[in-house]
N, C-alpha and C. Protein backbone atom coordinates (compact mmCIF):
# COMPACT_ATOMS: atom_id res chain seq x y z
N UNK A 1 -2.45 12.75 -10.58
CA UNK A 1 -3.33 11.79 -9.94
C UNK A 1 -2.53 10.74 -9.17
N UNK A 2 -1.46 10.23 -9.78
CA UNK A 2 -0.68 9.18 -9.10
C UNK A 2 -0.01 9.73 -7.86
N UNK A 3 0.49 10.97 -7.95
CA UNK A 3 1.13 11.58 -6.78
C UNK A 3 0.11 11.77 -5.66
N UNK A 4 -1.12 12.12 -6.01
CA UNK A 4 -2.15 12.29 -4.99
C UNK A 4 -2.49 10.95 -4.33
N UNK A 5 -2.54 9.90 -5.12
CA UNK A 5 -2.82 8.58 -4.57
C UNK A 5 -1.70 8.14 -3.64
N UNK A 6 -0.45 8.35 -4.07
CA UNK A 6 0.69 8.00 -3.23
C UNK A 6 0.64 8.77 -1.92
N UNK A 7 0.36 10.06 -2.00
CA UNK A 7 0.32 10.90 -0.81
C UNK A 7 -0.82 10.46 0.11
N UNK A 8 -1.96 10.12 -0.44
CA UNK A 8 -3.08 9.65 0.38
C UNK A 8 -2.69 8.37 1.11
N UNK A 9 -2.01 7.46 0.44
CA UNK A 9 -1.56 6.23 1.10
C UNK A 9 -0.56 6.52 2.20
N UNK A 10 0.35 7.46 1.96
CA UNK A 10 1.31 7.84 3.00
C UNK A 10 0.58 8.38 4.22
N UNK A 11 -0.40 9.25 3.98
CA UNK A 11 -1.15 9.84 5.09
C UNK A 11 -1.97 8.79 5.83
N UNK A 12 -2.51 7.81 5.12
CA UNK A 12 -3.22 6.73 5.80
C UNK A 12 -2.28 5.95 6.71
N UNK A 13 -1.04 5.76 6.27
CA UNK A 13 -0.04 5.10 7.11
C UNK A 13 0.30 5.92 8.34
N UNK A 14 0.47 7.22 8.16
CA UNK A 14 0.75 8.11 9.29
C UNK A 14 -0.42 8.09 10.27
N UNK A 15 -1.63 8.15 9.73
CA UNK A 15 -2.82 8.11 10.58
C UNK A 15 -2.96 6.80 11.33
N UNK A 16 -2.66 5.70 10.66
CA UNK A 16 -2.74 4.39 11.31
C UNK A 16 -1.75 4.32 12.47
N UNK A 17 -0.53 4.78 12.24
CA UNK A 17 0.48 4.76 13.29
C UNK A 17 0.07 5.67 14.46
N UNK A 18 -0.53 6.81 14.15
CA UNK A 18 -0.95 7.73 15.21
C UNK A 18 -2.07 7.12 16.05
N UNK A 19 -2.96 6.37 15.43
CA UNK A 19 -4.09 5.80 16.16
C UNK A 19 -3.74 4.51 16.89
N UNK A 20 -2.82 3.75 16.33
CA UNK A 20 -2.54 2.43 16.90
C UNK A 20 -1.16 2.33 17.54
N UNK A 21 -0.35 3.36 17.42
CA UNK A 21 0.99 3.32 17.99
C UNK A 21 1.81 2.22 17.37
N UNK A 22 2.89 1.88 18.02
CA UNK A 22 3.74 0.81 17.50
C UNK A 22 3.09 -0.55 17.72
N UNK A 23 2.50 -0.76 18.88
CA UNK A 23 1.77 -1.99 19.14
C UNK A 23 2.49 -3.23 18.66
N UNK A 24 1.76 -4.11 18.01
CA UNK A 24 2.34 -5.35 17.53
C UNK A 24 2.75 -5.28 16.07
N UNK A 25 2.58 -4.14 15.44
CA UNK A 25 2.95 -3.99 14.03
C UNK A 25 4.46 -3.84 13.97
N UNK A 26 5.14 -4.84 13.49
CA UNK A 26 6.60 -4.80 13.43
C UNK A 26 7.13 -4.64 12.02
N UNK A 27 6.31 -4.95 11.04
CA UNK A 27 6.78 -4.89 9.67
C UNK A 27 5.58 -4.71 8.75
N UNK A 28 5.87 -4.30 7.55
CA UNK A 28 4.83 -4.11 6.53
C UNK A 28 5.18 -4.99 5.35
N UNK A 29 4.21 -5.70 4.84
CA UNK A 29 4.42 -6.55 3.68
C UNK A 29 3.81 -5.88 2.46
N UNK A 30 4.44 -6.06 1.35
CA UNK A 30 3.84 -5.59 0.11
C UNK A 30 4.07 -6.66 -0.94
N UNK A 31 3.29 -6.61 -1.98
CA UNK A 31 3.39 -7.62 -3.02
C UNK A 31 4.28 -7.09 -4.14
N UNK A 32 5.48 -7.64 -4.29
CA UNK A 32 6.37 -7.15 -5.34
C UNK A 32 6.06 -7.71 -6.72
N UNK A 33 5.01 -8.51 -6.82
CA UNK A 33 4.65 -9.13 -8.09
C UNK A 33 3.66 -8.24 -8.83
N UNK A 34 3.81 -8.13 -10.12
CA UNK A 34 2.86 -7.37 -10.95
C UNK A 34 1.61 -8.23 -11.08
N UNK A 35 0.49 -7.74 -10.56
CA UNK A 35 -0.75 -8.50 -10.51
C UNK A 35 -1.70 -8.01 -11.59
N UNK A 36 -2.33 -8.95 -12.29
CA UNK A 36 -3.28 -8.63 -13.36
C UNK A 36 -4.63 -8.26 -12.73
N UNK A 37 -4.85 -6.98 -12.58
CA UNK A 37 -6.12 -6.48 -12.07
C UNK A 37 -6.57 -5.33 -12.95
N UNK A 38 -7.75 -4.82 -12.68
CA UNK A 38 -8.20 -3.66 -13.45
C UNK A 38 -7.48 -2.42 -12.93
N UNK A 39 -7.48 -1.38 -13.71
CA UNK A 39 -6.92 -0.12 -13.25
C UNK A 39 -7.96 0.95 -13.46
N UNK A 40 -7.98 1.90 -12.54
CA UNK A 40 -9.01 2.94 -12.60
C UNK A 40 -8.36 4.28 -12.89
N UNK A 41 -9.14 5.17 -13.37
CA UNK A 41 -8.65 6.52 -13.63
C UNK A 41 -8.75 6.86 -15.09
N UNK A 42 -8.51 8.11 -15.36
CA UNK A 42 -8.55 8.58 -16.74
C UNK A 42 -7.12 8.66 -17.26
N UNK A 43 -6.83 7.85 -18.24
CA UNK A 43 -5.49 7.80 -18.83
C UNK A 43 -5.59 8.07 -20.31
N UNK A 44 -4.57 8.66 -20.88
CA UNK A 44 -4.53 8.81 -22.34
C UNK A 44 -4.54 7.42 -22.99
N UNK A 45 -4.98 7.35 -24.22
CA UNK A 45 -5.07 6.06 -24.93
C UNK A 45 -3.73 5.34 -24.96
N UNK A 46 -2.65 6.07 -25.14
CA UNK A 46 -1.33 5.42 -25.21
C UNK A 46 -0.96 4.77 -23.89
N UNK A 47 -1.28 5.41 -22.77
CA UNK A 47 -0.98 4.83 -21.45
C UNK A 47 -1.85 3.60 -21.22
N UNK A 48 -3.14 3.68 -21.55
CA UNK A 48 -4.03 2.51 -21.40
C UNK A 48 -3.52 1.34 -22.22
N UNK A 49 -3.05 1.62 -23.44
CA UNK A 49 -2.54 0.56 -24.30
C UNK A 49 -1.37 -0.16 -23.63
N UNK A 50 -0.40 0.61 -23.12
CA UNK A 50 0.78 -0.02 -22.52
C UNK A 50 0.46 -0.73 -21.21
N UNK A 51 -0.41 -0.17 -20.40
CA UNK A 51 -0.80 -0.86 -19.17
C UNK A 51 -1.46 -2.19 -19.50
N UNK A 52 -2.34 -2.19 -20.46
CA UNK A 52 -3.02 -3.43 -20.88
C UNK A 52 -2.02 -4.42 -21.46
N UNK A 53 -1.13 -3.96 -22.32
CA UNK A 53 -0.12 -4.83 -22.92
C UNK A 53 0.80 -5.43 -21.87
N UNK A 54 1.35 -4.60 -20.99
CA UNK A 54 2.25 -5.11 -19.96
C UNK A 54 1.52 -6.05 -19.01
N UNK A 55 0.25 -5.77 -18.74
CA UNK A 55 -0.53 -6.67 -17.90
C UNK A 55 -0.67 -8.05 -18.51
N UNK A 56 -0.92 -8.08 -19.82
CA UNK A 56 -1.06 -9.38 -20.50
C UNK A 56 0.27 -10.11 -20.61
N UNK A 57 1.35 -9.37 -20.77
CA UNK A 57 2.67 -10.00 -20.94
C UNK A 57 3.32 -10.42 -19.63
N UNK A 58 3.20 -9.60 -18.60
CA UNK A 58 4.02 -9.81 -17.41
C UNK A 58 3.26 -10.09 -16.12
N UNK A 59 2.00 -9.75 -16.06
CA UNK A 59 1.27 -9.85 -14.79
C UNK A 59 0.80 -11.27 -14.50
N UNK A 60 0.74 -11.58 -13.21
CA UNK A 60 0.20 -12.87 -12.78
C UNK A 60 -1.26 -12.67 -12.39
N UNK A 61 -2.08 -13.70 -12.57
CA UNK A 61 -3.46 -13.60 -12.09
C UNK A 61 -3.46 -13.41 -10.57
N UNK A 62 -4.44 -12.72 -10.04
CA UNK A 62 -4.48 -12.40 -8.61
C UNK A 62 -4.41 -13.66 -7.75
N UNK A 63 -5.09 -14.72 -8.16
CA UNK A 63 -5.10 -15.94 -7.34
C UNK A 63 -3.72 -16.60 -7.25
N UNK A 64 -2.84 -16.34 -8.21
CA UNK A 64 -1.48 -16.90 -8.16
C UNK A 64 -0.48 -15.93 -7.54
N UNK A 65 -0.83 -14.67 -7.46
CA UNK A 65 0.12 -13.66 -6.99
C UNK A 65 0.01 -13.37 -5.50
N UNK A 66 -1.05 -13.81 -4.87
CA UNK A 66 -1.23 -13.48 -3.46
C UNK A 66 -1.34 -14.74 -2.63
N UNK A 67 -1.09 -14.57 -1.36
CA UNK A 67 -1.28 -15.69 -0.43
C UNK A 67 -2.29 -15.24 0.61
N UNK A 68 -2.98 -16.16 1.24
CA UNK A 68 -3.96 -15.78 2.25
C UNK A 68 -3.31 -15.04 3.41
N UNK A 69 -4.00 -14.05 3.95
CA UNK A 69 -3.44 -13.31 5.08
C UNK A 69 -3.38 -14.17 6.32
N UNK A 70 -4.07 -15.29 6.34
CA UNK A 70 -4.03 -16.17 7.50
C UNK A 70 -2.68 -16.85 7.66
N UNK A 71 -1.82 -16.73 6.67
CA UNK A 71 -0.49 -17.33 6.79
C UNK A 71 0.44 -16.46 7.62
N UNK A 72 0.01 -15.24 7.96
CA UNK A 72 0.87 -14.38 8.76
C UNK A 72 0.80 -14.83 10.21
N UNK A 73 1.83 -14.51 10.95
CA UNK A 73 1.87 -14.86 12.36
C UNK A 73 2.35 -13.67 13.16
N UNK A 74 2.29 -13.80 14.47
CA UNK A 74 2.74 -12.70 15.32
C UNK A 74 4.25 -12.71 15.49
N UNK A 75 4.90 -13.77 15.05
CA UNK A 75 6.36 -13.83 15.16
C UNK A 75 7.01 -12.94 14.11
N UNK A 76 8.13 -12.33 14.46
CA UNK A 76 8.82 -11.50 13.46
C UNK A 76 9.23 -12.33 12.25
N UNK A 77 9.20 -11.71 11.09
CA UNK A 77 9.61 -12.41 9.88
C UNK A 77 11.12 -12.61 9.91
N UNK A 78 11.57 -13.76 9.49
CA UNK A 78 13.02 -13.96 9.42
C UNK A 78 13.63 -13.07 8.35
N UNK A 79 14.88 -12.73 8.52
CA UNK A 79 15.55 -11.84 7.58
C UNK A 79 15.68 -12.49 6.21
N UNK A 80 15.61 -13.80 6.13
CA UNK A 80 15.69 -14.48 4.84
C UNK A 80 14.30 -14.88 4.35
N UNK A 81 13.29 -14.07 4.67
CA UNK A 81 11.92 -14.39 4.25
C UNK A 81 11.81 -14.28 2.73
N UNK A 82 10.67 -14.69 2.20
CA UNK A 82 10.48 -14.73 0.75
C UNK A 82 10.23 -13.35 0.18
N UNK A 83 11.10 -12.47 0.42
CA UNK A 83 10.98 -11.12 -0.11
C UNK A 83 12.00 -10.96 -1.23
N UNK A 84 11.63 -10.21 -2.24
CA UNK A 84 12.59 -9.98 -3.32
C UNK A 84 13.54 -8.85 -2.98
N UNK A 85 13.25 -8.16 -1.92
CA UNK A 85 14.14 -7.09 -1.46
C UNK A 85 14.50 -7.34 -0.01
N UNK A 86 15.69 -6.97 0.39
CA UNK A 86 16.05 -7.17 1.80
C UNK A 86 15.24 -6.24 2.69
N UNK A 87 14.99 -6.63 3.94
CA UNK A 87 14.25 -5.76 4.84
C UNK A 87 14.99 -4.45 5.05
N UNK A 88 14.26 -3.39 5.26
CA UNK A 88 14.91 -2.13 5.56
C UNK A 88 14.03 -1.35 6.53
N UNK A 89 14.64 -0.46 7.23
CA UNK A 89 13.92 0.35 8.21
C UNK A 89 13.82 1.77 7.70
N UNK A 90 12.75 2.43 8.08
CA UNK A 90 12.59 3.85 7.76
C UNK A 90 12.77 4.63 9.04
N UNK A 91 13.59 5.64 8.99
CA UNK A 91 13.83 6.44 10.17
C UNK A 91 13.20 7.82 10.07
N UNK A 92 12.56 8.13 8.97
CA UNK A 92 11.96 9.44 8.79
C UNK A 92 10.64 9.51 9.55
N UNK A 93 10.59 10.39 10.51
CA UNK A 93 9.36 10.56 11.29
C UNK A 93 8.44 11.54 10.56
N UNK A 94 7.13 11.35 10.70
CA UNK A 94 6.21 12.29 10.05
C UNK A 94 6.32 13.68 10.69
N UNK A 95 6.07 14.69 9.91
CA UNK A 95 6.10 16.06 10.41
C UNK A 95 4.75 16.41 11.02
N UNK A 96 4.69 17.56 11.68
CA UNK A 96 3.42 18.02 12.24
C UNK A 96 2.37 18.19 11.16
N UNK A 97 2.79 18.71 10.00
CA UNK A 97 1.86 18.88 8.88
C UNK A 97 1.33 17.55 8.39
N UNK A 98 2.19 16.53 8.38
CA UNK A 98 1.75 15.19 7.98
C UNK A 98 0.67 14.69 8.93
N UNK A 99 0.89 14.90 10.22
CA UNK A 99 -0.09 14.43 11.21
C UNK A 99 -1.43 15.15 11.04
N UNK A 100 -1.37 16.45 10.82
CA UNK A 100 -2.61 17.21 10.61
C UNK A 100 -3.34 16.73 9.36
N UNK A 101 -2.59 16.55 8.28
CA UNK A 101 -3.20 16.07 7.03
C UNK A 101 -3.77 14.66 7.22
N UNK A 102 -3.05 13.82 7.97
CA UNK A 102 -3.52 12.45 8.21
C UNK A 102 -4.82 12.46 9.01
N UNK A 103 -4.90 13.34 10.02
CA UNK A 103 -6.13 13.44 10.79
C UNK A 103 -7.29 13.91 9.91
N UNK A 104 -7.01 14.85 9.03
CA UNK A 104 -8.05 15.37 8.14
C UNK A 104 -8.54 14.29 7.17
N UNK A 105 -7.61 13.53 6.57
CA UNK A 105 -8.04 12.49 5.62
C UNK A 105 -8.81 11.39 6.36
N UNK A 106 -8.42 11.10 7.61
CA UNK A 106 -9.16 10.11 8.40
C UNK A 106 -10.58 10.60 8.67
N UNK A 107 -10.72 11.87 9.12
CA UNK A 107 -12.05 12.42 9.41
C UNK A 107 -12.93 12.42 8.16
N UNK A 108 -12.36 12.85 7.04
CA UNK A 108 -13.15 12.92 5.80
C UNK A 108 -13.54 11.53 5.31
N UNK A 109 -12.62 10.59 5.40
CA UNK A 109 -12.93 9.21 4.99
C UNK A 109 -14.04 8.64 5.86
N UNK A 110 -13.93 8.85 7.16
CA UNK A 110 -14.95 8.36 8.08
C UNK A 110 -16.30 9.01 7.79
N UNK A 111 -16.30 10.32 7.53
CA UNK A 111 -17.54 11.03 7.22
C UNK A 111 -18.18 10.46 5.94
N UNK A 112 -17.35 10.22 4.92
CA UNK A 112 -17.88 9.70 3.67
C UNK A 112 -18.43 8.28 3.83
N UNK A 113 -17.75 7.47 4.62
CA UNK A 113 -18.20 6.09 4.81
C UNK A 113 -19.47 6.01 5.66
N UNK A 114 -19.62 6.95 6.58
CA UNK A 114 -20.79 6.94 7.46
C UNK A 114 -22.00 7.63 6.84
N UNK A 115 -21.81 8.20 5.67
CA UNK A 115 -22.94 8.82 4.98
C UNK A 115 -23.12 10.20 5.46
């Protein structure tokens, strides 16, 4: 299940890039903080126990872990931005199969959302 979710997110990224090109998107931000939110899916009892335990011990409440998206600007982020990891570039281009899969997931998502 987790591998499928990861792959779906990768394909959504490929699809976004295919539809919008490079445009003004210069970087991607992610939240490196463990956020206390619900989790979905069917997990064995032992996994649910540890996710719940680690959430209570280490996670921050969502209101403390995120910042408003209005704080972003069109200017490139400085290399010394508040990231816990240094910026890095990805040079791996999507394959033809990735593009086809991305188009398919986009069509299916759109079909499901439109009823």
